[in-house]
Amino acid sequence: HDSKGDEDNQQNDSQVSILHPKRQPDLLEWLIKRVLIRKNPSDATMMILLQFEAEEERVLKLVIKVQSQWRRLRSFRHAKSETMHQYEKIFDRENQIYAYRNMLTDQRQKDKPKLLGEDEL
């Protein structure tokens, strides 16, 4: 006698049996645990989502957030690198201070470019 086959049959019977009219309270409980009701963001109507659909949406939002943060960081690093190559730190003998010269425009400023943060040229 195959005990695994019996387990599979019992499992299938329990899944099918929840649909039996006598098991309606069990079916409702099962559905309530797996259904979400919320407003549709596009038109504010109410919508029903199954648990797995809500989880997919949650994961997608997290993925988009991580991608956005990664793009922001990559963009910041690129801008910082460009700034480091565009400026040089010079000593202004007339005022006896260090200054920063934009090598493209030859403009000088006493404050370090903000994009450099704590880094020095």
Foldseek 3Di string as FASTA:
>chain_A
DDVVVVVVVVVVCVVVVCPDPVNVVVVVVVQVVFKDWDADVVPRDIDIDGNVVVVVVVVVVVVVVVVVVVVVVVVLVVVLVVLVVQWDWDQDPVVRAIWIAGNVVRDIGRDDPPSCPPDDD
